[in-house]
Amino acid sequence: MTTRTLGSLANHTRVARVASLLLSCLLVGIIGPAAQAVNSYTANFSEKELKLSHPVDAAWEKWLMGDIGYQRMVERNSPFVELVNDAASTSPITEFHLTIGDNRFNFAPVVGTDLVELGRTTPGFALTSSTTNSGDDLVVNIGGGGLQPGQALKFKIKLGIDPSFDAAYKSQFGSSLPDYRTVLFDMNGVNVYDGTTNSSSADNAAAYVLFNPGGKSDTTVFPDEDVAVSQYFNNNLRGGCCCAGDPVNLFKLEGSVPIPEPGSLALVMLGIAGFSLSSRSRSRRLAA
């Protein structure tokens, strides 16, 4: 009786060791890759390209603010996007997608028929662009192998007004150009075109990228951003040069490719392995 008991304990120990080893191998092979570095990106938006290059430099901020109101209006109609493929990513970014937010507006050509214009501070990239959904969705393709991990790319976009809203817009704001802070999101939660205050991202722009390999990132929606000085927008121009303070803005979106869960096949394999080990354990106990 004692011999059988000791033998049964030994069998249990061997079964437990085999089960632990097998499960560890399966988990490393299945879950391990998903726990590795995740493809992720950052998209920064500003009315001035050099603000993206010097985001927290006080001297640069003072110099950038030394423009005139009309210049700032034009720049806020054609903001820059800085797309950064995070250094920890393992794949290049080949596409950038952005929705318009307020669908009374659209993405318009920056120069000629080109919907984007490559920034001066990041030369060498081959960009092509297109829109879908009646100009409300912008697609930027990055050629030449894409945007590699650790690289940054800057390009300019431009906002247009839908024909159905053009007359109403001009009656309210004259012939000025729409500010990206009133189209991609609502400054301080105020929709200047409706006169409503409601901090909601329902009518805000959203972005995602495609990694190759790696696939589509999650979709990140702009919040209603807080802006300290918000009385200057569209044709509401500040007077003079830099006598009236109007900071240059910078807004950030971040996204990544979601970590995949273990597939159903992997779970079935784990279940079969556990059932098999349990059956072997029962058989050994009966034999003892």
Protein backbone atom coordinates (compact mmCIF):
# COMPACT_ATOMS: atom_id res chain seq x y z
CA MET A 1 0.00 0.00 0.00
CA THR A 2 2.84 2.37 0.91
CA THR A 3 4.70 1.53 -2.31
CA ARG A 4 1.61 2.22 -4.39
CA THR A 5 1.06 5.54 -2.61
CA LEU A 6 4.64 6.66 -3.18
CA GLY A 7 4.44 5.54 -6.81
CA SER A 8 1.21 7.46 -7.27
CA LEU A 9 2.79 10.61 -5.81
CA ALA A 10 5.76 10.22 -8.12
CA ASN A 11 3.40 9.87 -11.08
CA HIS A 12 1.54 12.98 -10.02
CA THR A 13 4.83 14.88 -9.76
CA ARG A 14 5.96 13.77 -13.21
CA VAL A 15 2.58 14.65 -14.72
CA ALA A 16 2.67 18.09 -13.08
CA ARG A 17 6.17 18.72 -14.40
CA VAL A 18 5.25 17.63 -17.91
CA ALA A 19 2.08 19.76 -17.81
CA SER A 20 3.98 22.79 -16.59
CA LEU A 21 6.66 22.39 -19.27
CA LEU A 22 4.13 21.87 -22.05
CA LEU A 23 1.98 24.80 -20.99
CA SER A 24 5.04 27.04 -20.69
CA CYS A 25 6.14 26.14 -24.22
CA LEU A 26 2.67 26.80 -25.56
CA LEU A 27 2.37 30.13 -23.78
CA VAL A 28 5.80 31.29 -24.93
CA GLY A 29 5.03 30.29 -28.50
CA ILE A 30 1.53 31.75 -28.56
CA ILE A 31 1.36 34.63 -26.11
CA GLY A 32 5.05 35.59 -26.16
CA PRO A 33 5.03 37.30 -29.55
CA ALA A 34 1.99 39.36 -28.54
CA ALA A 35 3.87 40.62 -25.48
CA GLN A 36 6.73 42.01 -27.55
CA ALA A 37 7.14 45.67 -28.54
CA VAL A 38 3.93 47.15 -29.95
CA ASN A 39 3.79 49.24 -33.12
CA SER A 40 2.74 52.73 -32.04
CA TYR A 41 2.73 56.28 -33.36
CA THR A 42 2.22 59.91 -32.41
CA ALA A 43 0.54 62.58 -34.56
CA ASN A 44 1.14 66.22 -33.61
CA PHE A 45 -0.85 69.12 -35.10
CA SER A 46 0.17 72.78 -35.19
CA GLU A 47 -0.38 75.87 -37.34
CA LYS A 48 3.40 76.33 -37.65
CA GLU A 49 5.88 73.70 -38.78
CA LEU A 50 8.68 75.05 -36.58
CA LYS A 51 6.49 74.72 -33.48
CA LEU A 52 6.58 70.98 -34.12
CA SER A 53 10.38 71.10 -34.24
CA HIS A 54 10.67 73.28 -31.10
CA PRO A 55 7.59 72.41 -29.00
CA VAL A 56 8.80 73.72 -25.60
CA ASP A 57 11.47 76.29 -26.48
CA ALA A 58 10.48 79.69 -25.01
CA ALA A 59 12.73 81.65 -27.39
CA TRP A 60 11.22 79.94 -30.41
CA GLU A 61 7.72 80.45 -29.02
CA LYS A 62 8.29 84.19 -28.72
CA TRP A 63 9.65 84.36 -32.27
CA LEU A 64 6.79 82.29 -33.71
CA MET A 65 4.22 84.56 -32.06
CA GLY A 66 5.68 87.58 -33.83
CA ASP A 67 3.42 87.27 -36.88
CA ILE A 68 0.37 89.23 -37.98
CA GLY A 69 -3.21 88.15 -37.47
CA TYR A 70 -3.91 87.53 -41.15
CA GLN A 71 -0.88 85.26 -41.46
CA ARG A 72 -2.02 83.24 -38.46
CA MET A 73 -5.51 82.88 -39.95
CA VAL A 74 -4.05 81.46 -43.17
CA GLU A 75 -1.77 79.10 -41.25
CA ARG A 76 -4.58 77.82 -39.05
CA ASN A 77 -6.49 76.97 -42.19
CA SER A 78 -3.50 74.93 -43.42
CA PRO A 79 -1.97 73.30 -40.35
CA PHE A 80 0.98 70.92 -40.26
CA VAL A 81 0.83 67.31 -39.15
CA GLU A 82 3.90 65.66 -37.67
CA LEU A 83 3.66 61.88 -37.85
CA VAL A 84 6.15 60.01 -35.66
CA ASN A 85 6.70 56.27 -35.82
CA ASP A 86 7.75 55.50 -32.26
CA ALA A 87 11.27 54.17 -31.81
CA ALA A 88 10.00 50.97 -30.14
CA SER A 89 7.90 50.02 -33.18
CA THR A 90 8.99 47.07 -35.30
CA SER A 91 7.33 48.01 -38.62
CA PRO A 92 7.19 51.05 -40.91
CA ILE A 93 4.05 53.15 -41.33
CA THR A 94 2.79 53.14 -44.91
CA GLU A 95 -0.54 55.00 -44.56
CA PHE A 96 -2.01 57.78 -42.42
CA HIS A 97 -5.80 58.27 -42.25
CA LEU A 98 -7.61 61.34 -40.88
CA THR A 99 -11.32 62.20 -40.79
CA ILE A 100 -12.54 65.80 -41.07
CA GLY A 101 -14.51 66.01 -37.82
CA ASP A 102 -17.16 68.63 -38.64
CA ASN A 103 -18.55 67.28 -41.92
CA ARG A 104 -19.64 70.72 -43.14
CA PHE A 105 -15.99 71.03 -44.15
CA ASN A 106 -13.58 68.92 -46.20
CA PHE A 107 -9.93 68.34 -47.03
CA ALA A 108 -8.96 70.67 -49.86
CA PRO A 109 -5.85 70.70 -52.09
CA VAL A 110 -2.86 72.51 -50.61
CA VAL A 111 -1.07 73.13 -53.92
CA GLY A 112 -2.66 72.40 -57.29
CA THR A 113 -4.40 69.06 -56.87
CA ASP A 114 -2.13 67.82 -54.06
CA LEU A 115 -3.98 67.31 -50.79
CA VAL A 116 -0.77 67.39 -48.74
CA GLU A 117 2.52 69.22 -49.02
CA LEU A 118 5.74 67.78 -47.58
CA GLY A 119 7.26 69.92 -44.84
CA ARG A 120 10.61 71.62 -45.32
CA THR A 121 12.10 70.13 -42.16
CA THR A 122 11.56 66.50 -43.21
CA PRO A 123 12.57 66.26 -46.89
CA GLY A 124 13.06 63.05 -48.83
CA PHE A 125 9.68 61.38 -48.35
CA ALA A 126 7.49 60.40 -51.30
CA LEU A 127 3.87 61.23 -50.43
CA THR A 128 0.69 60.63 -52.38
CA SER A 129 -2.76 61.50 -51.07
CA SER A 130 -6.44 61.05 -51.78
CA THR A 131 -9.82 61.54 -50.15
CA THR A 132 -12.90 59.40 -49.75
CA ASN A 133 -16.40 60.05 -48.38
CA SER A 134 -16.86 63.27 -50.39
CA GLY A 135 -13.58 64.75 -49.18
CA ASP A 136 -14.18 64.02 -45.49
CA ASP A 137 -11.55 61.27 -45.13
CA LEU A 138 -7.92 61.95 -45.99
CA VAL A 139 -5.50 59.13 -46.90
CA VAL A 140 -1.75 59.83 -47.04
CA ASN A 141 0.43 57.12 -48.57
CA ILE A 142 4.10 57.07 -47.62
CA GLY A 143 6.25 55.56 -50.36
CA GLY A 144 9.85 54.42 -50.42
CA GLY A 145 9.46 51.81 -47.71
CA GLY A 146 7.29 53.96 -45.44
CA LEU A 147 8.04 55.83 -42.23
CA GLN A 148 10.57 53.75 -40.31
CA PRO A 149 10.63 53.29 -36.51
CA GLY A 150 12.12 56.39 -34.91
CA GLN A 151 11.48 58.61 -37.94
CA ALA A 152 9.30 61.75 -38.11
CA LEU A 153 7.45 63.16 -41.10
CA LYS A 154 5.82 66.59 -41.41
CA PHE A 155 3.26 67.62 -44.02
CA LYS A 156 0.70 70.37 -44.51
CA ILE A 157 -3.04 69.85 -44.98
CA LYS A 158 -5.77 72.36 -45.87
CA LEU A 159 -9.42 72.71 -44.90
CA GLY A 160 -12.18 73.62 -47.34
CA ILE A 161 -15.89 74.40 -46.96
CA ASP A 162 -18.62 72.18 -48.39
CA PRO A 163 -20.71 73.94 -51.08
CA SER A 164 -23.89 73.40 -49.06
CA PHE A 165 -22.42 75.32 -46.12
CA ASP A 166 -20.38 77.90 -48.02
CA ALA A 167 -23.03 80.64 -48.10
CA ALA A 168 -23.87 80.27 -44.40
CA TYR A 169 -20.19 80.29 -43.49
CA LYS A 170 -19.42 83.44 -45.49
CA SER A 171 -22.42 85.28 -44.08
CA GLN A 172 -21.08 84.60 -40.58
CA PHE A 173 -17.33 84.93 -41.15
CA GLY A 174 -16.95 86.82 -44.41
CA SER A 175 -14.38 85.39 -46.80
CA SER A 176 -11.95 84.11 -44.16
CA LEU A 177 -10.69 80.56 -43.92
CA PRO A 178 -11.86 77.98 -41.35
CA ASP A 179 -9.56 77.39 -38.39
CA TYR A 180 -8.48 73.76 -37.87
CA ARG A 181 -9.29 74.13 -34.15
CA THR A 182 -12.95 74.72 -35.05
CA VAL A 183 -13.19 71.89 -37.60
CA LEU A 184 -11.10 68.98 -36.28
CA PHE A 185 -12.49 69.58 -32.78
CA ASP A 186 -14.27 72.28 -30.75
CA MET A 187 -12.08 74.73 -28.84
CA ASN A 188 -13.05 74.58 -25.18
CA GLY A 189 -16.12 72.57 -26.16
CA VAL A 190 -17.69 75.42 -28.14
CA ASN A 191 -18.97 74.78 -31.67
CA VAL A 192 -18.61 78.25 -33.19
CA TYR A 193 -20.80 77.31 -36.19
CA ASP A 194 -23.77 76.23 -34.09
CA GLY A 195 -23.19 78.45 -31.08
CA THR A 196 -23.54 75.40 -28.83
CA THR A 197 -21.38 74.39 -25.88
CA ASN A 198 -21.07 70.68 -25.37
CA SER A 199 -17.75 68.99 -24.71
CA SER A 200 -18.23 65.94 -26.88
CA SER A 201 -16.00 64.17 -29.37
CA ALA A 202 -18.94 63.03 -31.51
CA ASP A 203 -18.13 65.55 -34.26
CA ASN A 204 -14.33 65.49 -33.87
CA ALA A 205 -11.62 64.23 -36.18
CA ALA A 206 -10.12 60.76 -35.78
CA ALA A 207 -6.88 59.21 -37.01
CA TYR A 208 -5.26 55.84 -37.52
CA VAL A 209 -2.26 54.46 -39.38
CA LEU A 210 -1.36 51.27 -41.20
CA PHE A 211 1.83 49.43 -40.31
CA ASN A 212 3.28 47.02 -42.86
CA PRO A 213 3.62 44.42 -41.48
CA GLY A 214 1.49 44.91 -38.39
CA GLY A 215 -1.81 46.11 -39.78
CA LYS A 216 -4.18 48.85 -38.65
CA SER A 217 -3.72 50.76 -35.43
CA ASP A 218 -6.60 51.65 -33.18
CA THR A 219 -8.57 54.76 -34.10
CA THR A 220 -7.85 57.78 -31.90
CA VAL A 221 -10.42 60.59 -31.66
CA PHE A 222 -9.54 64.21 -30.91
CA PRO A 223 -10.96 65.45 -27.62
CA ASP A 224 -12.42 68.95 -27.39
CA GLU A 225 -9.11 70.66 -26.67
CA ASP A 226 -8.73 73.49 -24.16
CA VAL A 227 -7.28 76.64 -25.72
CA ALA A 228 -6.18 79.49 -23.44
CA VAL A 229 -6.66 82.25 -26.04
CA SER A 230 -9.65 81.37 -28.20
CA GLN A 231 -11.08 84.70 -29.32
CA TYR A 232 -8.84 84.76 -32.39
CA PHE A 233 -10.15 82.34 -35.01
CA ASN A 234 -11.42 82.48 -38.60
CA ASN A 235 -11.78 86.20 -39.44
CA ASN A 236 -11.57 87.26 -35.78
CA LEU A 237 -8.01 88.54 -36.15
CA ARG A 238 -5.82 90.00 -33.48
CA GLY A 239 -4.53 93.46 -34.24
CA GLY A 240 -0.95 94.57 -34.67
CA CYS A 241 2.02 92.24 -34.50
CA CYS A 242 2.78 90.47 -31.22
CA CYS A 243 1.23 93.14 -29.00
CA ALA A 244 -1.79 90.86 -28.44
CA GLY A 245 -0.76 87.49 -27.12
CA ASP A 246 -1.85 84.49 -29.16
CA PRO A 247 0.23 81.39 -28.40
CA VAL A 248 1.05 78.96 -31.18
CA ASN A 249 -0.83 75.76 -30.46
CA LEU A 250 0.26 72.13 -30.55
CA PHE A 251 -2.08 69.17 -30.14
CA LYS A 252 -1.21 65.50 -29.89
CA LEU A 253 -2.83 62.18 -30.78
CA GLU A 254 -1.34 58.79 -29.95
CA GLY A 255 -2.25 55.31 -31.14
CA SER A 256 -0.96 51.77 -31.40
CA VAL A 257 -1.79 48.37 -32.83
CA PRO A 258 -3.88 46.50 -30.22
CA ILE A 259 -2.16 43.48 -28.68
CA PRO A 260 -3.89 40.38 -30.08
CA GLU A 261 -5.47 37.84 -27.76
CA PRO A 262 -4.42 34.16 -28.07
CA GLY A 263 -6.33 32.65 -31.01
CA SER A 264 -9.09 30.10 -30.59
CA LEU A 265 -6.83 27.38 -32.05
CA ALA A 266 -4.26 28.08 -29.37
CA LEU A 267 -6.91 27.81 -26.65
CA VAL A 268 -8.14 24.51 -28.09
CA MET A 269 -4.56 23.19 -28.07
CA LEU A 270 -4.19 24.15 -24.43
CA GLY A 271 -7.46 22.42 -23.60
CA ILE A 272 -6.44 19.24 -25.43
CA ALA A 273 -3.08 19.25 -23.67
CA GLY A 274 -4.74 19.61 -20.28
CA PHE A 275 -7.29 16.88 -21.02
CA SER A 276 -4.55 14.54 -22.22
CA LEU A 277 -2.43 15.06 -19.12
CA SER A 278 -5.48 14.60 -16.88
CA SER A 279 -6.34 11.32 -18.64
CA ARG A 280 -2.77 10.03 -18.24
CA SER A 281 -2.88 10.91 -14.54
CA ARG A 282 -6.14 8.99 -14.02
CA SER A 283 -4.79 5.98 -15.92
CA ARG A 284 -1.67 5.84 -13.73
CA ARG A 285 -3.73 6.04 -10.54
CA LEU A 286 -5.87 3.13 -11.66
CA ALA A 287 -2.80 1.09 -12.58
CA ALA A 288 -1.30 1.75 -9.16
